[in-house]
C-alpha atoms as a PDB file:
ATOM      1  CA  MET A   1    -172.487-254.238-122.049  1.00  0.00           C
ATOM      2  CA  LYS A   2    -173.318-250.735-122.292  1.00  0.00           C
ATOM      3  CA  LYS A   3    -173.504-250.460-118.320  1.00  0.00           C
ATOM      4  CA  ILE A   4    -169.855-252.111-118.177  1.00  0.00           C
ATOM      5  CA  ALA A   5    -168.907-249.235-121.019  1.00  0.00           C
ATOM      6  CA  LEU A   6    -170.468-246.458-118.953  1.00  0.00           C
ATOM      7  CA  VAL A   7    -168.308-247.473-116.504  1.00  0.00           C
ATOM      8  CA  ALA A   8    -165.134-247.907-118.206  1.00  0.00           C
ATOM      9  CA  ALA A   9    -165.458-244.453-119.515  1.00  0.00           C
ATOM     10  CA  LEU A  10    -166.930-242.718-116.034  1.00  0.00           C
ATOM     11  CA  ALA A  11    -163.585-244.247-114.766  1.00  0.00           C
ATOM     12  CA  ALA A  12    -161.258-242.902-117.770  1.00  0.00           C
ATOM     13  CA  ALA A  13    -163.087-239.520-117.749  1.00  0.00           C
ATOM     14  CA  SER A  14    -162.329-239.228-113.639  1.00  0.00           C
ATOM     15  CA  ALA A  15    -158.714-240.754-113.730  1.00  0.00           C
ATOM     16  CA  ALA A  16    -157.986-238.233-116.866  1.00  0.00           C
ATOM     17  CA  PRO A  17    -157.198-235.000-114.591  1.00  0.00           C
ATOM     18  CA  ALA A  18    -155.404-236.963-111.613  1.00  0.00           C
ATOM     19  CA  ALA A  19    -153.419-237.745-114.611  1.00  0.00           C
ATOM     20  CA  PHE A  20    -153.043-234.536-115.841  1.00  0.00           C
ATOM     21  CA  ALA A  21    -152.239-232.672-112.596  1.00  0.00           C
ATOM     22  CA  GLN A  22    -148.978-234.671-112.685  1.00  0.00           C
ATOM     23  CA  GLY A  23    -147.750-232.474-115.194  1.00  0.00           C
ATOM     24  CA  SER A  24    -147.840-228.571-115.417  1.00  0.00           C
ATOM     25  CA  VAL A  25    -146.957-225.844-117.882  1.00  0.00           C
ATOM     26  CA  THR A  26    -145.428-222.450-116.946  1.00  0.00           C
ATOM     27  CA  LEU A  27    -145.782-219.572-119.376  1.00  0.00           C
ATOM     28  CA  TRP A  28    -143.022-216.844-118.435  1.00  0.00           C
ATOM     29  CA  GLY A  29    -141.138-214.596-120.262  1.00  0.00           C
ATOM     30  CA  ARG A  30    -138.830-210.999-120.326  1.00  0.00           C
ATOM     31  CA  LEU A  31    -139.574-207.502-121.442  1.00  0.00           C
ATOM     32  CA  ASN A  32    -135.849-205.306-121.087  1.00  0.00           C
ATOM     33  CA  THR A  33    -136.295-202.110-123.010  1.00  0.00           C
ATOM     34  CA  SER A  34    -133.965-198.919-123.185  1.00  0.00           C
ATOM     35  CA  ILE A  35    -133.975-195.540-124.640  1.00  0.00           C
ATOM     36  CA  GLU A  36    -130.287-194.914-125.217  1.00  0.00           C
ATOM     37  CA  SER A  37    -127.719-192.113-126.402  1.00  0.00           C
ATOM     38  CA  GLN A  38    -125.064-194.039-128.398  1.00  0.00           C
ATOM     39  CA  LYS A  39    -122.218-193.374-130.400  1.00  0.00           C
ATOM     40  CA  THR A  40    -120.015-195.377-132.620  1.00  0.00           C
ATOM     41  CA  GLY A  41    -116.296-194.427-133.323  1.00  0.00           C
ATOM     42  CA  ASN A  42    -116.232-191.150-134.951  1.00  0.00           C
ATOM     43  CA  GLY A  43    -119.740-190.819-136.086  1.00  0.00           C
ATOM     44  CA  ASP A  44    -122.490-188.722-134.817  1.00  0.00           C
ATOM     45  CA  ARG A  45    -124.313-189.213-131.299  1.00  0.00           C
ATOM     46  CA  ILE A  46    -127.868-190.908-132.177  1.00  0.00           C
ATOM     47  CA  ALA A  47    -130.986-191.988-130.071  1.00  0.00           C
ATOM     48  CA  VAL A  48    -131.876-195.352-129.746  1.00  0.00           C
ATOM     49  CA  VAL A  49    -134.469-197.472-128.190  1.00  0.00           C
ATOM     50  CA  GLN A  50    -133.014-200.827-127.076  1.00  0.00           C
ATOM     51  CA  ASN A  51    -133.917-204.213-126.768  1.00  0.00           C
ATOM     52  CA  ASN A  52    -132.053-206.076-124.533  1.00  0.00           C
ATOM     53  CA  ALA A  53    -132.463-209.755-124.949  1.00  0.00           C
ATOM     54  CA  SER A  54    -136.182-210.163-124.140  1.00  0.00           C
ATOM     55  CA  ARG A  55    -138.077-213.238-124.577  1.00  0.00           C
ATOM     56  CA  LEU A  56    -141.147-215.228-124.585  1.00  0.00           C
ATOM     57  CA  GLY A  57    -140.908-219.011-123.191  1.00  0.00           C
ATOM     58  CA  PHE A  58    -143.035-222.221-121.882  1.00  0.00           C
ATOM     59  CA  ARG A  59    -141.716-224.463-119.889  1.00  0.00           C
ATOM     60  CA  GLY A  60    -143.297-227.773-118.816  1.00  0.00           C
ATOM     61  CA  VAL A  61    -142.594-230.896-116.057  1.00  0.00           C
ATOM     62  CA  GLU A  62    -144.155-234.564-115.338  1.00  0.00           C
ATOM     63  CA  ASP A  63    -143.615-236.724-112.700  1.00  0.00           C
ATOM     64  CA  LEU A  64    -143.129-240.151-113.812  1.00  0.00           C
ATOM     65  CA  GLY A  65    -143.298-241.593-110.360  1.00  0.00           C
ATOM     66  CA  GLY A  66    -140.214-243.412-109.037  1.00  0.00           C
ATOM     67  CA  GLY A  67    -137.815-240.046-109.049  1.00  0.00           C
ATOM     68  CA  LEU A  68    -138.290-239.759-112.591  1.00  0.00           C
ATOM     69  CA  LYS A  69    -139.450-236.670-114.366  1.00  0.00           C
ATOM     70  CA  ALA A  70    -139.591-235.504-117.711  1.00  0.00           C
ATOM     71  CA  GLY A  71    -140.358-232.019-118.930  1.00  0.00           C
ATOM     72  CA  PHE A  72    -139.636-229.409-122.332  1.00  0.00           C
ATOM     73  CA  ASN A  73    -138.385-225.825-122.337  1.00  0.00           C
ATOM     74  CA  LEU A  74    -139.278-223.296-125.530  1.00  0.00           C
ATOM     75  CA  GLU A  75    -137.726-220.198-125.697  1.00  0.00           C
ATOM     76  CA  HIS A  76    -138.657-217.453-128.175  1.00  0.00           C
ATOM     77  CA  GLY A  77    -136.324-214.418-128.517  1.00  0.00           C
ATOM     78  CA  LEU A  78    -137.785-210.922-129.361  1.00  0.00           C
ATOM     79  CA  ASN A  79    -137.313-207.454-130.220  1.00  0.00           C
ATOM     80  CA  SER A  80    -139.171-205.289-128.265  1.00  0.00           C
ATOM     81  CA  ASP A  81    -138.400-202.372-129.906  1.00  0.00           C
ATOM     82  CA  THR A  82    -139.945-203.667-133.152  1.00  0.00           C
ATOM     83  CA  GLY A  83    -142.318-206.405-131.806  1.00  0.00           C
ATOM     84  CA  ALA A  84    -140.205-208.661-134.690  1.00  0.00           C
ATOM     85  CA  ALA A  85    -138.393-211.915-134.205  1.00  0.00           C
ATOM     86  CA  SER A  86    -134.959-211.776-132.532  1.00  0.00           C
ATOM     87  CA  GLY A  87    -133.959-215.328-134.207  1.00  0.00           C
ATOM     88  CA  GLY A  88    -134.936-214.339-137.808  1.00  0.00           C
ATOM     89  CA  THR A  89    -136.875-217.360-139.695  1.00  0.00           C
ATOM     90  CA  THR A  90    -135.925-219.569-136.210  1.00  0.00           C
ATOM     91  CA  PHE A  91    -139.152-218.923-134.025  1.00  0.00           C
ATOM     92  CA  TRP A  92    -137.233-220.855-131.227  1.00  0.00           C
ATOM     93  CA  SER A  93    -134.137-219.075-131.591  1.00  0.00           C
ATOM     94  CA  ARG A  94    -133.420-219.456-127.347  1.00  0.00           C
ATOM     95  CA  GLU A  95    -134.425-223.189-126.774  1.00  0.00           C
ATOM     96  CA  SER A  96    -135.969-226.084-127.797  1.00  0.00           C
ATOM     97  CA  THR A  97    -135.395-228.635-125.379  1.00  0.00           C
ATOM     98  CA  VAL A  98    -136.759-231.542-124.168  1.00  0.00           C
ATOM     99  CA  TRP A  99    -135.240-233.757-120.904  1.00  0.00           C
ATOM    100  CA  ILE A 100    -135.682-236.760-118.394  1.00  0.00           C
ATOM    101  CA  SER A 101    -134.189-236.892-115.391  1.00  0.00           C
ATOM    102  CA  SER A 102    -133.512-238.625-111.937  1.00  0.00           C
ATOM    103  CA  ALA A 103    -132.715-237.514-109.040  1.00  0.00           C
ATOM    104  CA  GLU A 104    -129.981-240.732-108.660  1.00  0.00           C
ATOM    105  CA  LEU A 105    -128.574-240.350-112.195  1.00  0.00           C
ATOM    106  CA  GLY A 106    -128.992-236.857-113.230  1.00  0.00           C
ATOM    107  CA  THR A 107    -130.442-235.399-116.515  1.00  0.00           C
ATOM    108  CA  ILE A 108    -130.472-236.493-119.918  1.00  0.00           C
ATOM    109  CA  ARG A 109    -131.743-233.093-122.596  1.00  0.00           C
ATOM    110  CA  LEU A 110    -131.471-233.090-126.142  1.00  0.00           C
ATOM    111  CA  GLY A 111    -132.266-230.670-128.497  1.00  0.00           C
ATOM    112  CA  SER A 112    -131.273-226.128-128.916  1.00  0.00           C
ATOM    113  CA  SER A 113    -129.786-224.349-126.116  1.00  0.00           C
ATOM    114  CA  PHE A 114    -127.323-222.234-125.321  1.00  0.00           C
ATOM    115  CA  PRO A 115    -123.959-223.247-123.845  1.00  0.00           C
ATOM    116  CA  ASP A 116    -123.751-224.147-120.280  1.00  0.00           C
ATOM    117  CA  SER A 117    -120.642-222.908-119.734  1.00  0.00           C
ATOM    118  CA  TYR A 118    -121.563-219.192-120.779  1.00  0.00           C
ATOM    119  CA  PHE A 119    -124.369-219.490-117.714  1.00  0.00           C
ATOM    120  CA  ALA A 120    -121.959-221.242-115.281  1.00  0.00           C
ATOM    121  CA  THR A 121    -119.385-218.099-115.548  1.00  0.00           C
ATOM    122  CA  VAL A 122    -119.451-214.851-118.414  1.00  0.00           C
ATOM    123  CA  ASP A 123    -123.733-214.380-117.217  1.00  0.00           C
ATOM    124  CA  ARG A 124    -122.726-214.187-113.485  1.00  0.00           C
ATOM    125  CA  THR A 125    -119.694-211.739-114.029  1.00  0.00           C
ATOM    126  CA  SER A 126    -122.064-209.571-115.556  1.00  0.00           C
ATOM    127  CA  ASN A 127    -124.993-209.074-113.763  1.00  0.00           C
ATOM    128  CA  HIS A 128    -126.071-205.694-113.946  1.00  0.00           C
ATOM    129  CA  ASN A 129    -128.748-205.815-116.924  1.00  0.00           C
ATOM    130  CA  HIS A 130    -127.925-209.703-117.069  1.00  0.00           C
ATOM    131  CA  ASP A 131    -125.590-209.594-120.169  1.00  0.00           C
ATOM    132  CA  THR A 132    -127.743-208.015-122.537  1.00  0.00           C
ATOM    133  CA  GLY A 133    -127.763-205.032-124.732  1.00  0.00           C
ATOM    134  CA  THR A 134    -124.996-202.354-125.141  1.00  0.00           C
ATOM    135  CA  SER A 135    -124.038-203.038-121.819  1.00  0.00           C
ATOM    136  CA  SER A 136    -123.571-206.770-122.168  1.00  0.00           C
ATOM    137  CA  ASP A 137    -119.666-208.246-122.333  1.00  0.00           C
ATOM    138  CA  ALA A 138    -118.199-207.578-125.531  1.00  0.00           C
ATOM    139  CA  LEU A 139    -114.570-209.034-125.078  1.00  0.00           C
ATOM    140  CA  PHE A 140    -115.771-212.548-123.949  1.00  0.00           C
ATOM    141  CA  SER A 141    -114.716-215.480-126.400  1.00  0.00           C
ATOM    142  CA  ALA A 142    -118.605-216.396-127.421  1.00  0.00           C
ATOM    143  CA  ILE A 143    -117.822-219.459-130.274  1.00  0.00           C
ATOM    144  CA  GLY A 144    -119.643-221.173-128.105  1.00  0.00           C
ATOM    145  CA  PHE A 145    -122.755-219.714-129.175  1.00  0.00           C
ATOM    146  CA  GLY A 146    -122.626-220.366-132.543  1.00  0.00           C
ATOM    147  CA  TYR A 147    -122.971-224.196-131.589  1.00  0.00           C
ATOM    148  CA  THR A 148    -126.369-224.206-129.933  1.00  0.00           C
ATOM    149  CA  THR A 149    -128.324-227.124-131.997  1.00  0.00           C
ATOM    150  CA  ASN A 150    -128.907-230.526-132.632  1.00  0.00           C
ATOM    151  CA  LYS A 151    -126.901-230.980-128.844  1.00  0.00           C
ATOM    152  CA  ALA A 152    -126.933-233.990-126.414  1.00  0.00           C
ATOM    153  CA  THR A 153    -126.268-232.820-122.745  1.00  0.00           C
ATOM    154  CA  TYR A 154    -125.906-234.795-119.674  1.00  0.00           C
ATOM    155  CA  ILE A 155    -126.386-232.973-116.390  1.00  0.00           C
ATOM    156  CA  THR A 156    -125.012-234.632-113.727  1.00  0.00           C
ATOM    157  CA  PRO A 157    -126.976-234.786-109.988  1.00  0.00           C
ATOM    158  CA  ASP A 158    -126.271-232.344-107.381  1.00  0.00           C
ATOM    159  CA  MET A 159    -123.569-233.307-105.300  1.00  0.00           C
ATOM    160  CA  GLY A 160    -122.970-231.489-102.855  1.00  0.00           C
ATOM    161  CA  GLY A 161    -122.762-228.319-104.247  1.00  0.00           C
ATOM    162  CA  PHE A 162    -121.145-229.510-107.448  1.00  0.00           C
ATOM    163  CA  GLN A 163    -122.949-230.246-110.835  1.00  0.00           C
ATOM    164  CA  ALA A 164    -121.537-230.681-114.257  1.00  0.00           C
ATOM    165  CA  TYR A 165    -122.834-230.112-117.630  1.00  0.00           C
ATOM    166  CA  ILE A 166    -121.244-232.987-121.196  1.00  0.00           C
ATOM    167  CA  SER A 167    -122.417-231.337-124.314  1.00  0.00           C
ATOM    168  CA  ALA A 168    -121.838-232.416-127.343  1.00  0.00           C
ATOM    169  CA  MET A 169    -122.843-231.259-131.116  1.00  0.00           C
ATOM    170  CA  ALA A 170    -123.333-233.722-133.683  1.00  0.00           C
ATOM    171  CA  GLY A 171    -121.910-231.747-136.800  1.00  0.00           C
ATOM    172  CA  GLU A 172    -125.016-232.021-139.000  1.00  0.00           C
ATOM    173  CA  GLY A 173    -124.926-230.320-142.595  1.00  0.00           C
ATOM    174  CA  THR A 174    -122.502-227.770-142.882  1.00  0.00           C
ATOM    175  CA  ARG A 175    -121.529-227.690-139.345  1.00  0.00           C
ATOM    176  CA  PRO A 176    -119.080-228.620-138.025  1.00  0.00           C
ATOM    177  CA  ARG A 177    -118.926-231.099-134.450  1.00  0.00           C
ATOM    178  CA  ALA A 178    -118.930-228.760-130.989  1.00  0.00           C
ATOM    179  CA  TYR A 179    -118.374-229.406-127.393  1.00  0.00           C
ATOM    180  CA  ASP A 180    -119.212-227.609-123.978  1.00  0.00           C
ATOM    181  CA  LEU A 181    -117.829-228.147-120.882  1.00  0.00           C
ATOM    182  CA  ALA A 182    -119.302-226.778-117.796  1.00  0.00           C
ATOM    183  CA  ALA A 183    -119.178-226.847-113.797  1.00  0.00           C
ATOM    184  CA  ASN A 184    -120.772-225.375-110.989  1.00  0.00           C
ATOM    185  CA  TYR A 185    -119.715-225.172-107.013  1.00  0.00           C
ATOM    186  CA  THR A 186    -121.981-223.629-104.614  1.00  0.00           C
ATOM    187  CA  VAL A 187    -120.935-223.243-101.235  1.00  0.00           C
ATOM    188  CA  GLY A 188    -122.693-220.497 -98.708  1.00  0.00           C
ATOM    189  CA  THR A 189    -122.126-217.436-100.645  1.00  0.00           C
ATOM    190  CA  LEU A 190    -119.307-218.641-102.750  1.00  0.00           C
ATOM    191  CA  HIS A 191    -119.520-220.188-106.820  1.00  0.00           C
ATOM    192  CA  ILE A 192    -117.106-221.575-108.280  1.00  0.00           C
ATOM    193  CA  GLY A 193    -117.547-221.950-112.058  1.00  0.00           C
ATOM    194  CA  ALA A 194    -115.626-223.322-114.669  1.00  0.00           C
ATOM    195  CA  GLY A 195    -116.034-224.079-118.656  1.00  0.00           C
ATOM    196  CA  TYR A 196    -114.362-225.153-121.850  1.00  0.00           C
ATOM    197  CA  THR A 197    -115.522-225.216-125.040  1.00  0.00           C
ATOM    198  CA  GLN A 198    -114.503-226.277-128.703  1.00  0.00           C
ATOM    199  CA  ALA A 199    -115.374-226.458-132.122  1.00  0.00           C
ATOM    200  CA  ASP A 200    -113.491-228.849-134.781  1.00  0.00           C
ATOM    201  CA  ALA A 201    -111.890-227.490-137.841  1.00  0.00           C
ATOM    202  CA  GLY A 202    -114.116-227.750-141.144  1.00  0.00           C
ATOM    203  CA  PHE A 203    -116.230-226.199-143.944  1.00  0.00           C
ATOM    204  CA  GLY A 204    -114.035-223.134-143.734  1.00  0.00           C
ATOM    205  CA  SER A 205    -113.818-223.030-140.276  1.00  0.00           C
ATOM    206  CA  PRO A 206    -110.588-223.193-138.169  1.00  0.00           C
ATOM    207  CA  LYS A 207    -110.521-225.084-134.586  1.00  0.00           C
ATOM    208  CA  ARG A 208    -111.862-222.851-132.262  1.00  0.00           C
ATOM    209  CA  ASP A 209    -111.322-223.646-128.102  1.00  0.00           C
ATOM    210  CA  ASN A 210    -111.495-221.767-125.272  1.00  0.00           C
ATOM    211  CA  ALA A 211    -111.174-222.366-121.237  1.00  0.00           C
ATOM    212  CA  ILE A 212    -112.779-220.016-118.653  1.00  0.00           C
ATOM    213  CA  ILE A 213    -112.707-219.759-114.920  1.00  0.00           C
ATOM    214  CA  GLU A 214    -114.880-217.800-112.474  1.00  0.00           C
ATOM    215  CA  ALA A 215    -115.831-216.997-108.695  1.00  0.00           C
ATOM    216  CA  ASP A 216    -118.603-214.835-107.349  1.00  0.00           C
ATOM    217  CA  TYR A 217    -118.521-214.302-103.637  1.00  0.00           C
ATOM    218  CA  GLY A 218    -121.144-212.100-101.508  1.00  0.00           C
ATOM    219  CA  PHE A 219    -120.928-210.856 -97.887  1.00  0.00           C
ATOM    220  CA  GLY A 220    -123.341-208.834 -96.276  1.00  0.00           C
ATOM    221  CA  PRO A 221    -124.523-205.917 -98.941  1.00  0.00           C
ATOM    222  CA  PHE A 222    -121.325-206.534-101.552  1.00  0.00           C
ATOM    223  CA  LEU A 223    -120.984-209.278-104.303  1.00  0.00           C
ATOM    224  CA  VAL A 224    -117.778-209.781-106.117  1.00  0.00           C
ATOM    225  CA  THR A 225    -117.176-211.358-108.862  1.00  0.00           C
ATOM    226  CA  GLY A 226    -114.499-211.883-112.053  1.00  0.00           C
ATOM    227  CA  TYR A 227    -113.678-214.411-114.655  1.00  0.00           C
ATOM    228  CA  LEU A 228    -110.389-215.397-116.629  1.00  0.00           C
ATOM    229  CA  GLN A 229    -110.306-216.731-120.143  1.00  0.00           C
ATOM    230  CA  THR A 230    -108.123-218.199-122.643  1.00  0.00           C
ATOM    231  CA  GLU A 231    -109.269-218.259-126.484  1.00  0.00           C
ATOM    232  CA  LYS A 232    -106.988-220.371-129.410  1.00  0.00           C
ATOM    233  CA  VAL A 233    -107.634-220.192-132.878  1.00  0.00           C
ATOM    234  CA  ASP A 234    -105.633-222.925-135.032  1.00  0.00           C
ATOM    235  CA  GLY A 235    -104.075-223.837-132.391  1.00  0.00           C
ATOM    236  CA  PHE A 236    -101.224-220.783-131.996  1.00  0.00           C
ATOM    237  CA  ARG A 237    -103.862-217.387-132.473  1.00  0.00           C
ATOM    238  CA  THR A 238    -104.189-216.839-128.744  1.00  0.00           C
ATOM    239  CA  ARG A 239    -106.104-214.332-126.427  1.00  0.00           C
ATOM    240  CA  ASN A 240    -106.996-213.545-123.075  1.00  0.00           C
ATOM    241  CA  ILE A 241    -109.748-212.289-121.705  1.00  0.00           C
ATOM    242  CA  ALA A 242    -110.464-211.270-118.086  1.00  0.00           C
ATOM    243  CA  ARG A 243    -113.193-209.306-116.170  1.00  0.00           C
ATOM    244  CA  VAL A 244    -113.952-208.311-112.529  1.00  0.00           C
ATOM    245  CA  SER A 245    -117.696-206.796-111.313  1.00  0.00           C
ATOM    246  CA  GLY A 246    -118.712-205.509-107.875  1.00  0.00           C
ATOM    247  CA  MET A 247    -122.143-204.802-106.430  1.00  0.00           C
ATOM    248  CA  TYR A 248    -122.918-203.373-103.717  1.00  0.00           C
ATOM    249  CA  THR A 249    -127.189-203.520-102.665  1.00  0.00           C
ATOM    250  CA  MET A 250    -129.115-200.814-100.181  1.00  0.00           C
ATOM    251  CA  GLY A 251    -132.428-201.925 -99.645  1.00  0.00           C
ATOM    252  CA  ALA A 252    -133.792-201.803-103.562  1.00  0.00           C
ATOM    253  CA  SER A 253    -130.864-200.175-104.947  1.00  0.00           C
ATOM    254  CA  GLU A 254    -128.004-201.808-106.472  1.00  0.00           C
ATOM    255  CA  PHE A 255    -124.601-199.870-107.362  1.00  0.00           C
ATOM    256  CA  HIS A 256    -122.618-201.843-110.151  1.00  0.00           C
ATOM    257  CA  LEU A 257    -119.745-201.317-111.735  1.00  0.00           C
ATOM    258  CA  ASN A 258    -117.038-203.742-113.868  1.00  0.00           C
ATOM    259  CA  VAL A 259    -114.511-203.483-115.829  1.00  0.00           C
ATOM    260  CA  GLY A 260    -112.429-205.979-118.595  1.00  0.00           C
ATOM    261  CA  GLY A 261    -110.050-206.375-121.065  1.00  0.00           C
ATOM    262  CA  THR A 262    -108.618-208.091-123.666  1.00  0.00           C
ATOM    263  CA  LYS A 263    -105.148-208.331-125.379  1.00  0.00           C
ATOM    264  CA  SER A 264    -105.310-208.677-129.271  1.00  0.00           C
ATOM    265  CA  GLY A 265    -105.164-211.552-131.086  1.00  0.00           C
ATOM    266  CA  GLY A 266    -107.084-214.975-131.209  1.00  0.00           C
ATOM    267  CA  ASP A 267    -110.391-214.376-133.144  1.00  0.00           C
ATOM    268  CA  GLY A 268    -113.493-212.158-134.276  1.00  0.00           C
ATOM    269  CA  THR A 269    -113.982-208.639-133.764  1.00  0.00           C
ATOM    270  CA  PHE A 270    -110.900-208.260-131.218  1.00  0.00           C
ATOM    271  CA  ARG A 271    -108.367-210.116-133.424  1.00  0.00           C
ATOM    272  CA  ASN A 272    -106.221-207.031-134.622  1.00  0.00           C
ATOM    273  CA  ALA A 273    -106.142-205.257-131.686  1.00  0.00           C
ATOM    274  CA  GLY A 274    -107.087-205.455-127.744  1.00  0.00           C
ATOM    275  CA  ALA A 275    -109.717-203.800-126.419  1.00  0.00           C
ATOM    276  CA  SER A 276    -111.331-202.518-122.678  1.00  0.00           C
ATOM    277  CA  GLN A 277    -114.547-201.944-121.503  1.00  0.00           C
ATOM    278  CA  TRP A 278    -115.932-200.559-118.050  1.00  0.00           C
ATOM    279  CA  THR A 279    -119.685-200.264-117.234  1.00  0.00           C
ATOM    280  CA  LEU A 280    -121.057-197.987-114.142  1.00  0.00           C
ATOM    281  CA  ALA A 281    -124.980-199.228-113.747  1.00  0.00           C
ATOM    282  CA  TYR A 282    -127.712-198.284-111.306  1.00  0.00           C
ATOM    283  CA  ASN A 283    -130.540-200.584-110.901  1.00  0.00           C
ATOM    284  CA  TYR A 284    -133.915-199.429-108.760  1.00  0.00           C
ATOM    285  CA  ASN A 285    -135.947-203.101-108.005  1.00  0.00           C
ATOM    286  CA  LEU A 286    -139.559-201.652-108.180  1.00  0.00           C
ATOM    287  CA  SER A 287    -140.488-205.266-106.879  1.00  0.00           C
ATOM    288  CA  LYS A 288    -139.176-209.007-107.451  1.00  0.00           C
ATOM    289  CA  ARG A 289    -140.371-208.852-110.842  1.00  0.00           C
ATOM    290  CA  THR A 290    -139.857-204.921-112.013  1.00  0.00           C
ATOM    291  CA  LYS A 291    -136.820-202.540-111.809  1.00  0.00           C
ATOM    292  CA  VAL A 292    -135.479-199.636-113.763  1.00  0.00           C
ATOM    293  CA  TYR A 293    -132.307-198.849-114.340  1.00  0.00           C
ATOM    294  CA  VAL A 294    -129.422-196.596-115.538  1.00  0.00           C
ATOM    295  CA  PHE A 295    -125.879-197.431-117.288  1.00  0.00           C
ATOM    296  CA  TYR A 296    -122.765-195.621-118.864  1.00  0.00           C
ATOM    297  CA  THR A 297    -120.883-198.207-121.057  1.00  0.00           C
ATOM    298  CA  ASP A 298    -117.984-197.603-122.692  1.00  0.00           C
ATOM    299  CA  ILE A 299    -115.676-200.070-125.139  1.00  0.00           C
ATOM    300  CA  ASP A 300    -112.424-198.584-126.190  1.00  0.00           C
ATOM    301  CA  GLN A 301    -111.053-200.718-129.089  1.00  0.00           C
ATOM    302  CA  LYS A 302    -107.248-200.354-129.220  1.00  0.00           C
ATOM    303  CA  LEU A 303    -107.006-199.249-132.765  1.00  0.00           C
ATOM    304  CA  PRO A 304    -106.617-195.883-134.530  1.00  0.00           C
ATOM    305  CA  ASN A 305    -108.894-192.443-135.125  1.00  0.00           C
ATOM    306  CA  HIS A 306    -111.141-194.367-132.375  1.00  0.00           C
ATOM    307  CA  ALA A 307    -112.377-197.189-134.979  1.00  0.00           C
ATOM    308  CA  GLY A 308    -114.092-199.678-133.141  1.00  0.00           C
ATOM    309  CA  ASP A 309    -114.899-197.617-130.017  1.00  0.00           C
ATOM    310  CA  PHE A 310    -118.558-197.362-128.559  1.00  0.00           C
ATOM    311  CA  ASN A 311    -120.210-195.812-125.327  1.00  0.00           C
ATOM    312  CA  SER A 312    -123.986-195.287-124.511  1.00  0.00           C
ATOM    313  CA  LEU A 313    -125.889-193.971-121.579  1.00  0.00           C
ATOM    314  CA  ALA A 314    -128.994-195.552-121.281  1.00  0.00           C
ATOM    315  CA  ALA A 315    -131.962-195.615-119.272  1.00  0.00           C
ATOM    316  CA  GLY A 316    -134.457-198.665-119.048  1.00  0.00           C
ATOM    317  CA  VAL A 317    -137.280-200.836-117.550  1.00  0.00           C
ATOM    318  CA  ARG A 318    -136.959-204.750-116.989  1.00  0.00           C
ATOM    319  CA  HIS A 319    -140.436-206.334-116.315  1.00  0.00           C
ATOM    320  CA  ASN A 320    -140.060-210.522-115.864  1.00  0.00           C
ATOM    321  CA  PHE A 321    -143.702-212.211-116.022  1.00  0.00           C
END
């Protein structure tokens, strides 16, 4: 019996590394920090060391066999200028999800995550600094950002370049129910993205919804992108938002220009006035993981005495690991 037990223990020990080898965990992150000269409204210009959506994350995946995979994503936001967490008391403030996937049937994802409609549209247009920091797109309707937790998402398989994302947020506690739909279609260097987000009325908040469509096309050293979005609040307060951007690549250098605008209405910062924003930027890629950059961004809100206006001249470093 002792010999049998010893053989069984050795067999289990030898099998354990093989089973472990089927899965993998990756530590990854991004530190993106700039020094800026900022001016808000009629205030004095100030010098700032600015965090630009730095983060730390873990990804894991396990091959279950038969075309099935399982995995997780954990992503923590941090302020690179102070070292503090950017999610307040929430440590995994950017994402905490577990998923199971079939090559033929698609993916089920559960947990907390950013809206997929954002990644399919706005994130692709404001690409000079990955839509982060003071030069991020200040005009688009970000109602989906407030509805990230307690979500169930279905992701279709890639069907000839088309893929759809369907998310529902459970209305737990004092949070209303919310829904997010996203679609991506890619053929060659052309990408078309679309999104729709709706949040039910309740708990003192009005019903909100927005729809957005985006396109980007690359030809030679040029990339041209743009989106058009409509936001509705309570079904009658409406504003439209649009942005276009262009990038020219020459060796390790990237030259960026983007311009956006919105009319008054809707909700949030620009409820009572229209606004415009433009950004001029230059990136130099020192490697595939590290770049240095400079940009100037300007927000002009259509209010008297420059109320709500903002501009910043910045230089920064971004490193991925």
